[in-house]
Amino acid sequence: MSGGESKESASIGAVARTVFWSFFGVRRRAHHEGETVRVKPVHVIVAGVIGAAVFVTVLVVLARLIVGSAAG
């Protein structure tokens, strides 16, 4: 960065919020533009992988609960 610009990193909550709403494809333009400046790509990738793992785990647990209750 040149000219003495400082790029403040986004908080964990801001990154999580960005990834959460990106899963649904819904973002307000003002939020997108404001957070795009602060969010680092590495943080988005890590949060996306964690979010996807949590999502898949929840789906697997729900499927097992539903199949287990239907069989029993």
Protein backbone atom coordinates (compact mmCIF):
# COMPACT_ATOMS: atom_id res chain seq x y z
CA MET A 1 0.00 0.00 0.00
CA SER A 2 1.35 3.33 -0.92
CA GLY A 3 0.74 6.84 0.26
CA GLY A 4 0.49 5.95 3.93
CA GLU A 5 -2.82 4.08 3.51
CA SER A 6 -3.63 1.70 6.32
CA LYS A 7 -5.96 -1.22 5.81
CA GLU A 8 -7.68 -2.21 9.01
CA SER A 9 -8.61 -5.89 9.14
CA ALA A 10 -12.23 -6.88 9.58
CA SER A 11 -13.27 -8.57 12.80
CA ILE A 12 -14.05 -12.28 12.96
CA GLY A 13 -17.74 -11.44 13.21
CA ALA A 14 -17.60 -9.29 10.08
CA VAL A 15 -15.89 -12.05 8.12
CA ALA A 16 -18.38 -14.65 9.40
CA ARG A 17 -21.29 -12.38 8.49
CA THR A 18 -19.86 -11.82 5.02
CA VAL A 19 -19.47 -15.54 4.39
CA PHE A 20 -22.88 -16.37 5.89
CA TRP A 21 -24.73 -13.95 3.62
CA SER A 22 -22.61 -15.02 0.66
CA PHE A 23 -23.90 -18.58 1.09
CA PHE A 24 -27.38 -17.22 0.43
CA GLY A 25 -26.27 -14.79 -2.26
CA VAL A 26 -27.85 -11.87 -0.43
CA ARG A 27 -25.80 -8.77 0.36
CA ARG A 28 -26.63 -5.12 0.67
CA ARG A 29 -24.50 -3.06 -1.66
CA ALA A 30 -23.31 -0.71 1.10
CA HIS A 31 -22.23 -3.61 3.33
CA HIS A 32 -20.50 -5.35 0.44
CA GLU A 33 -18.52 -2.28 -0.55
CA GLY A 34 -17.60 -1.40 3.04
CA GLU A 35 -16.45 -4.86 4.05
CA THR A 36 -14.72 -5.69 0.79
CA VAL A 37 -12.10 -3.11 1.64
CA ARG A 38 -11.40 -4.59 5.08
CA VAL A 39 -11.82 -8.36 4.55
CA LYS A 40 -8.72 -10.27 3.52
CA PRO A 41 -9.16 -13.09 0.98
CA VAL A 42 -7.43 -15.63 3.23
CA HIS A 43 -9.94 -14.92 6.01
CA VAL A 44 -12.85 -15.41 3.60
CA ILE A 45 -11.45 -18.72 2.36
CA VAL A 46 -10.90 -20.06 5.88
CA ALA A 47 -14.33 -18.89 7.05
CA GLY A 48 -15.93 -20.37 3.92
CA VAL A 49 -14.34 -23.77 4.49
CA ILE A 50 -15.38 -23.75 8.16
CA GLY A 51 -18.90 -22.60 7.24
CA ALA A 52 -19.24 -25.32 4.60
CA ALA A 53 -18.02 -27.97 7.06
CA VAL A 54 -20.54 -26.83 9.68
CA PHE A 55 -23.32 -26.79 7.07
CA VAL A 56 -22.53 -30.33 5.87
CA THR A 57 -22.26 -31.59 9.46
CA VAL A 58 -25.68 -30.14 10.32
CA LEU A 59 -27.19 -31.77 7.23
CA VAL A 60 -25.69 -35.17 8.09
CA VAL A 61 -26.91 -34.97 11.70
CA LEU A 62 -30.41 -33.96 10.58
CA ALA A 63 -30.52 -36.77 8.03
CA ARG A 64 -29.47 -39.33 10.64
CA LEU A 65 -32.07 -38.04 13.09
CA ILE A 66 -34.83 -38.20 10.50
CA VAL A 67 -33.86 -41.65 9.21
CA GLY A 68 -33.38 -42.92 12.76
CA SER A 69 -36.81 -41.72 13.89
CA ALA A 70 -38.51 -43.14 10.76
CA ALA A 71 -36.90 -46.57 11.24
CA GLY A 72 -37.65 -46.77 14.95
